[in-house]
N, C-alpha and C. Protein backbone atom coordinates (compact mmCIF):
# COMPACT_ATOMS: atom_id res chain seq x y z
N GLN A 1 -6.06 -19.33 -5.95
CA GLN A 1 -4.47 -18.88 -5.47
C GLN A 1 -4.95 -17.54 -5.50
N VAL A 2 -3.92 -15.90 -4.70
CA VAL A 2 -3.94 -15.19 -4.83
C VAL A 2 -3.20 -14.60 -5.24
N GLN A 3 -3.16 -13.19 -5.59
CA GLN A 3 -1.97 -12.32 -6.08
C GLN A 3 -2.30 -10.62 -5.85
N LEU A 4 -1.40 -10.67 -5.12
CA LEU A 4 -1.51 -9.02 -5.08
C LEU A 4 -0.72 -8.11 -5.84
N VAL A 5 -0.83 -7.65 -6.76
CA VAL A 5 0.03 -7.24 -8.06
C VAL A 5 -0.37 -5.39 -7.97
N GLU A 6 1.21 -4.77 -7.79
CA GLU A 6 1.34 -3.62 -7.16
C GLU A 6 1.99 -2.14 -8.03
N SER A 7 1.67 -1.38 -8.94
CA SER A 7 2.17 -0.51 -9.66
C SER A 7 2.23 0.74 -9.35
N GLY A 8 3.13 1.43 -9.50
CA GLY A 8 3.15 3.06 -9.64
C GLY A 8 4.80 3.51 -9.55
N GLY A 9 4.83 2.71 -8.83
CA GLY A 9 6.67 3.42 -8.44
C GLY A 9 7.33 3.64 -9.11
N GLY A 10 8.55 4.63 -8.74
CA GLY A 10 9.95 5.06 -9.19
C GLY A 10 10.14 6.42 -8.46
N LEU A 11 10.98 7.02 -9.44
CA LEU A 11 12.56 7.73 -9.00
C LEU A 11 11.14 9.12 -9.12
N VAL A 12 11.26 9.94 -8.35
CA VAL A 12 11.05 11.08 -8.15
C VAL A 12 11.64 12.14 -7.50
N GLN A 13 11.53 13.36 -7.59
CA GLN A 13 12.38 14.38 -7.08
C GLN A 13 11.12 15.07 -6.09
N ALA A 14 12.00 15.57 -4.75
CA ALA A 14 11.66 15.53 -3.20
C ALA A 14 9.87 17.00 -3.48
N GLY A 15 9.14 17.06 -3.03
CA GLY A 15 7.70 17.54 -3.15
C GLY A 15 6.82 17.23 -4.60
N ARG A 16 7.33 16.22 -5.07
CA ARG A 16 6.63 15.96 -6.29
C ARG A 16 5.61 14.95 -5.83
N SER A 17 4.79 14.04 -6.42
CA SER A 17 3.83 13.10 -6.18
C SER A 17 4.37 12.06 -6.52
N LEU A 18 3.40 10.73 -6.13
CA LEU A 18 3.38 9.59 -7.19
C LEU A 18 2.38 8.57 -5.89
N ARG A 19 1.57 8.14 -7.60
CA ARG A 19 0.24 7.24 -6.78
C ARG A 19 0.71 5.44 -6.62
N LEU A 20 0.54 5.10 -5.76
CA LEU A 20 0.78 3.57 -6.05
C LEU A 20 -0.60 2.87 -5.97
N SER A 21 -0.28 1.81 -6.63
CA SER A 21 -1.49 0.71 -6.82
C SER A 21 -1.78 -0.08 -6.62
N CYS A 22 -2.24 -1.82 -5.87
CA CYS A 22 -2.75 -2.98 -5.75
C CYS A 22 -3.49 -3.31 -6.10
N ALA A 23 -4.08 -4.72 -6.74
CA ALA A 23 -5.17 -5.32 -7.12
C ALA A 23 -4.83 -6.63 -6.84
N ALA A 24 -6.19 -7.27 -6.41
CA ALA A 24 -5.45 -8.43 -5.68
C ALA A 24 -6.89 -9.19 -6.66
N SER A 25 -5.69 -10.18 -6.94
CA SER A 25 -6.88 -11.02 -7.91
C SER A 25 -7.08 -13.20 -7.83
N GLY A 26 -7.78 -13.85 -7.79
CA GLY A 26 -7.20 -14.89 -7.64
C GLY A 26 -8.55 -15.36 -6.99
N SER A 27 -8.85 -16.33 -6.45
CA SER A 27 -10.23 -16.97 -5.55
C SER A 27 -10.74 -16.67 -4.55
N ILE A 28 -10.75 -15.30 -4.87
CA ILE A 28 -10.64 -14.39 -2.62
C ILE A 28 -12.19 -14.55 -2.44
N ARG A 29 -12.64 -14.09 -1.38
CA ARG A 29 -13.94 -14.61 -1.12
C ARG A 29 -14.51 -13.57 -1.01
N SER A 30 -13.67 -12.80 -0.05
CA SER A 30 -14.21 -11.26 0.62
C SER A 30 -12.87 -10.90 1.78
N VAL A 31 -12.96 -9.87 1.46
CA VAL A 31 -11.36 -8.29 1.37
C VAL A 31 -11.73 -8.01 2.83
N ASN A 32 -10.79 -7.79 3.37
CA ASN A 32 -11.34 -7.14 4.62
C ASN A 32 -10.42 -6.05 4.66
N ALA A 33 -9.89 -5.92 5.75
CA ALA A 33 -8.24 -5.11 5.32
C ALA A 33 -7.27 -4.56 4.63
N MET A 34 -7.16 -3.60 4.03
CA MET A 34 -6.02 -3.33 2.72
C MET A 34 -4.66 -2.61 3.46
N ALA A 35 -3.90 -2.10 2.67
CA ALA A 35 -2.60 -1.16 3.19
C ALA A 35 -1.43 -1.88 2.48
N TRP A 36 -0.59 -0.27 3.11
CA TRP A 36 0.33 -0.31 2.67
C TRP A 36 1.06 0.21 3.66
N TYR A 37 2.83 -1.26 3.20
CA TYR A 37 3.48 -1.07 4.53
C TYR A 37 4.77 -0.54 3.26
N ARG A 38 5.82 -0.17 4.14
CA ARG A 38 6.96 0.30 3.69
C ARG A 38 8.25 -0.60 4.18
N GLN A 39 9.61 -0.48 3.72
CA GLN A 39 10.66 -0.68 4.34
C GLN A 39 12.09 -0.42 3.49
N ALA A 40 12.78 0.55 4.78
CA ALA A 40 13.23 1.13 3.89
C ALA A 40 15.53 0.63 4.07
N PRO A 41 16.11 0.78 3.21
CA PRO A 41 17.79 -0.26 4.17
C PRO A 41 17.37 -0.01 5.42
N GLY A 42 17.63 -0.92 5.96
CA GLY A 42 18.32 -1.49 7.26
C GLY A 42 17.16 -1.13 7.85
N LYS A 43 16.28 -0.91 8.10
CA LYS A 43 15.06 -0.50 8.69
C LYS A 43 13.79 -1.72 8.38
N GLN A 44 13.25 -1.81 9.85
CA GLN A 44 12.11 -3.18 9.88
C GLN A 44 11.75 -2.63 8.90
N ARG A 45 10.15 -3.24 8.23
CA ARG A 45 8.68 -2.64 7.55
C ARG A 45 7.87 -2.46 8.44
N GLU A 46 6.94 -1.52 8.09
CA GLU A 46 6.16 0.20 9.00
C GLU A 46 5.22 -0.14 8.06
N LEU A 47 3.70 -0.20 8.87
CA LEU A 47 2.96 0.09 8.10
C LEU A 47 2.94 1.78 8.08
N VAL A 48 2.09 1.95 6.92
CA VAL A 48 2.19 2.90 6.15
C VAL A 48 0.64 4.10 7.08
N ALA A 49 -0.37 2.77 5.87
CA ALA A 49 -1.46 3.03 5.64
C ALA A 49 -2.30 1.77 5.81
N ARG A 50 -3.95 2.21 6.30
CA ARG A 50 -4.20 1.19 6.33
C ARG A 50 -6.03 1.45 5.91
N ILE A 51 -6.93 0.87 5.59
CA ILE A 51 -8.02 0.96 5.31
C ILE A 51 -8.88 -0.48 5.45
N THR A 52 -10.02 -0.05 5.76
CA THR A 52 -11.01 -1.43 6.42
C THR A 52 -11.99 -1.50 5.43
N ASN A 53 -12.53 -2.44 4.82
CA ASN A 53 -13.80 -2.38 4.42
C ASN A 53 -14.43 -1.35 4.12
N SER A 54 -14.69 -0.99 5.32
CA SER A 54 -15.67 0.14 5.57
C SER A 54 -15.50 1.95 5.29
N GLY A 55 -13.71 1.66 4.91
CA GLY A 55 -13.43 2.62 4.21
C GLY A 55 -12.53 3.46 5.50
N ILE A 56 -12.47 2.93 6.65
CA ILE A 56 -11.75 3.82 8.29
C ILE A 56 -10.37 3.29 7.85
N THR A 57 -9.32 4.74 7.57
CA THR A 57 -8.27 4.60 7.86
C THR A 57 -7.06 5.50 9.01
N ASN A 58 -5.90 4.50 8.82
CA ASN A 58 -5.24 5.12 9.40
C ASN A 58 -3.50 5.31 8.91
N TYR A 59 -2.94 5.67 9.67
CA TYR A 59 -2.25 6.33 9.21
C TYR A 59 -0.76 6.83 9.68
N VAL A 60 0.87 6.02 9.45
CA VAL A 60 1.23 6.42 10.67
C VAL A 60 1.99 7.95 10.37
N ASP A 61 2.28 8.28 11.68
CA ASP A 61 2.29 9.95 11.70
C ASP A 61 3.54 10.39 11.11
N SER A 62 3.69 10.08 10.28
CA SER A 62 5.21 10.62 9.62
C SER A 62 4.02 11.07 8.21
N VAL A 63 3.52 10.78 7.95
CA VAL A 63 3.03 10.72 6.60
C VAL A 63 1.27 11.33 6.54
N LYS A 64 1.24 11.77 7.72
CA LYS A 64 -0.37 12.44 7.76
C LYS A 64 -0.29 13.51 6.89
N GLY A 65 -1.41 13.44 6.35
CA GLY A 65 -1.34 14.84 5.77
C GLY A 65 -1.05 15.17 4.06
N ARG A 66 -0.08 14.09 4.15
CA ARG A 66 0.46 13.96 2.46
C ARG A 66 0.01 12.97 1.67
N PHE A 67 0.20 11.67 2.17
CA PHE A 67 -0.74 10.68 2.17
C PHE A 67 -2.20 10.17 2.14
N THR A 68 -2.68 9.65 1.19
CA THR A 68 -4.11 9.32 1.31
C THR A 68 -4.42 8.23 0.63
N ILE A 69 -5.14 7.05 1.07
CA ILE A 69 -5.16 5.34 0.97
C ILE A 69 -6.52 4.78 1.08
N SER A 70 -7.03 4.49 -0.58
CA SER A 70 -8.23 4.59 -0.79
C SER A 70 -8.66 3.34 -1.86
N ARG A 71 -9.69 2.64 -1.57
CA ARG A 71 -9.49 1.46 -2.24
C ARG A 71 -11.48 1.77 -2.98
N ASP A 72 -10.95 0.54 -3.80
CA ASP A 72 -12.21 -0.16 -4.41
C ASP A 72 -12.77 -1.23 -4.29
N ASN A 73 -13.92 -1.27 -3.82
CA ASN A 73 -14.59 -3.09 -3.31
C ASN A 73 -14.88 -3.35 -4.06
N ALA A 74 -15.45 -2.91 -5.19
CA ALA A 74 -15.90 -4.26 -6.50
C ALA A 74 -14.82 -4.80 -7.30
N LYS A 75 -13.15 -3.63 -7.25
CA LYS A 75 -12.57 -4.22 -8.04
C LYS A 75 -11.16 -4.43 -7.27
N ASN A 76 -12.05 -5.13 -5.75
CA ASN A 76 -10.26 -5.11 -4.79
C ASN A 76 -9.27 -4.66 -5.37
N THR A 77 -9.22 -3.30 -5.38
CA THR A 77 -7.60 -2.94 -5.65
C THR A 77 -7.86 -1.61 -4.66
N VAL A 78 -6.44 -1.62 -4.12
CA VAL A 78 -5.71 -0.37 -3.10
C VAL A 78 -5.33 0.55 -4.03
N SER A 79 -5.47 2.16 -3.22
CA SER A 79 -4.77 3.26 -4.00
C SER A 79 -3.52 3.87 -2.86
N LEU A 80 -2.48 4.31 -3.39
CA LEU A 80 -2.20 5.44 -1.62
C LEU A 80 -1.42 6.81 -3.14
N GLN A 81 -1.62 7.46 -2.57
CA GLN A 81 -1.33 8.64 -3.52
C GLN A 81 -0.83 9.94 -2.39
N MET A 82 0.46 9.92 -3.23
CA MET A 82 1.86 10.70 -1.98
C MET A 82 2.06 11.52 -2.87
N ASN A 83 1.92 12.37 -1.83
CA ASN A 83 1.81 14.50 -2.19
C ASN A 83 3.43 14.31 -1.32
N SER A 84 3.87 16.01 -1.75
CA SER A 84 4.83 15.93 -1.61
C SER A 84 6.03 15.22 -0.60
N LEU A 85 6.41 14.22 -1.37
CA LEU A 85 7.62 13.35 -1.16
C LEU A 85 8.65 14.31 -0.47
N LYS A 86 8.81 13.47 0.15
CA LYS A 86 10.11 13.30 1.30
C LYS A 86 11.43 12.29 1.15
N PRO A 87 12.84 12.74 0.68
CA PRO A 87 13.79 11.38 0.60
C PRO A 87 13.90 10.44 1.48
N GLU A 88 13.21 10.58 2.65
CA GLU A 88 12.85 9.99 3.52
C GLU A 88 11.44 8.88 3.88
N ASP A 89 10.96 9.34 2.37
CA ASP A 89 10.27 8.15 2.11
C ASP A 89 9.97 7.17 1.49
N THR A 90 11.99 7.25 0.87
CA THR A 90 12.48 6.14 -0.07
C THR A 90 12.32 5.24 0.66
N ALA A 91 11.54 4.16 -0.03
CA ALA A 91 11.86 2.54 0.65
C ALA A 91 11.50 1.65 -0.53
N ILE A 92 10.72 0.73 -0.19
CA ILE A 92 10.71 -0.72 -0.81
C ILE A 92 8.93 -0.85 -0.26
N TYR A 93 7.69 -0.41 -1.07
CA TYR A 93 5.91 -0.49 -0.73
C TYR A 93 6.10 -1.95 -0.90
N TYR A 94 5.52 -2.35 0.41
CA TYR A 94 4.37 -3.60 -0.40
C TYR A 94 2.92 -3.34 0.20
N CYS A 95 1.81 -3.78 -0.52
CA CYS A 95 0.57 -3.62 -0.51
C CYS A 95 0.36 -5.24 0.12
N ASN A 96 -0.99 -5.16 1.25
CA ASN A 96 -1.05 -6.18 1.59
C ASN A 96 -2.94 -6.41 1.87
N ALA A 97 -3.08 -7.42 2.11
CA ALA A 97 -4.58 -7.67 2.17
C ALA A 97 -4.86 -9.03 3.39
N LEU A 98 -5.97 -8.76 3.48
CA LEU A 98 -6.00 -9.59 4.67
C LEU A 98 -7.62 -9.96 4.29
N LEU A 99 -7.54 -11.20 4.01
CA LEU A 99 -8.62 -11.91 3.22
C LEU A 99 -8.74 -13.29 3.14
N SER A 100 -10.28 -13.42 2.29
CA SER A 100 -10.29 -15.42 2.77
C SER A 100 -10.73 -15.73 1.85
N VAL A 101 -10.17 -16.75 1.33
CA VAL A 101 -9.98 -17.85 0.30
C VAL A 101 -11.55 -19.29 0.25
N SER A 102 -11.07 -19.15 1.63
CA SER A 102 -12.51 -20.35 1.83
C SER A 102 -12.96 -19.30 3.00
N TYR A 103 -13.16 -20.29 4.26
CA TYR A 103 -13.31 -19.17 5.31
C TYR A 103 -13.13 -18.52 6.36
N ALA A 104 -11.27 -18.73 6.58
CA ALA A 104 -10.22 -17.88 7.34
C ALA A 104 -9.69 -16.89 6.77
N LEU A 105 -9.32 -16.09 7.85
CA LEU A 105 -8.86 -14.52 6.81
C LEU A 105 -7.28 -14.67 6.94
N ASN A 106 -6.26 -14.11 6.03
CA ASN A 106 -5.17 -14.31 5.94
C ASN A 106 -4.58 -13.31 5.13
N ASN A 107 -3.14 -13.16 5.68
CA ASN A 107 -2.47 -12.23 4.75
C ASN A 107 -1.60 -12.57 3.78
N TYR A 108 -2.02 -11.60 2.92
CA TYR A 108 -1.38 -11.22 1.54
C TYR A 108 -0.38 -10.11 1.32
N TRP A 109 0.63 -10.51 0.06
CA TRP A 109 1.32 -9.52 0.22
C TRP A 109 1.54 -9.55 -1.05
N GLY A 110 1.98 -8.01 -1.57
CA GLY A 110 2.46 -8.08 -3.28
C GLY A 110 4.23 -7.89 -2.93
N GLN A 111 4.90 -8.26 -3.89
CA GLN A 111 6.07 -8.32 -4.24
C GLN A 111 6.54 -7.20 -3.71
N GLY A 112 6.36 -6.03 -4.61
CA GLY A 112 6.92 -4.77 -3.45
C GLY A 112 7.60 -4.31 -4.57
N THR A 113 7.38 -2.36 -4.94
CA THR A 113 7.52 -1.39 -6.04
C THR A 113 8.15 -0.61 -4.77
N GLN A 114 9.64 -0.58 -5.52
CA GLN A 114 10.58 0.63 -5.50
C GLN A 114 9.87 1.83 -5.55
N VAL A 115 10.24 3.18 -4.60
CA VAL A 115 9.63 4.51 -4.21
C VAL A 115 11.07 4.97 -3.79
N THR A 116 11.73 6.07 -5.08
CA THR A 116 13.04 6.54 -4.53
C THR A 116 12.88 8.29 -4.23
N VAL A 117 12.61 8.82 -3.61
CA VAL A 117 13.07 10.56 -3.50
C VAL A 117 13.78 10.94 -3.75
N SER A 118 14.49 12.11 -4.80
CA SER A 118 15.71 12.86 -4.52
C SER A 118 15.53 13.77 -4.29
N SER A 119 16.53 14.24 -3.77
CA SER A 119 16.52 15.44 -2.49
C SER A 119 17.61 16.42 -3.56
């Protein structure tokens, strides 16, 4: 059984920073890409940032220059450093990992962590 456990959400004022972390555990054979998604009330879930196992990253335009995604391949962890937070960053943030337990790649999700940015 694979689990993704997130931590680091909370309530912050606009302009401040938060760091989200996610650890994948279980009978993992290999981890491909890891990512952070978010879903604001009344909106669809969107990809925030993604990082491949070779370190290639991509970001949604609205967070470029403010958020940084990183990972530790040895520990199967991914982090999201969020700086200069804005009220529109308020959402539930979900960790995502494309990984294999046997030989097939499957998507796994964390339970989500709330990020609230006050103006």
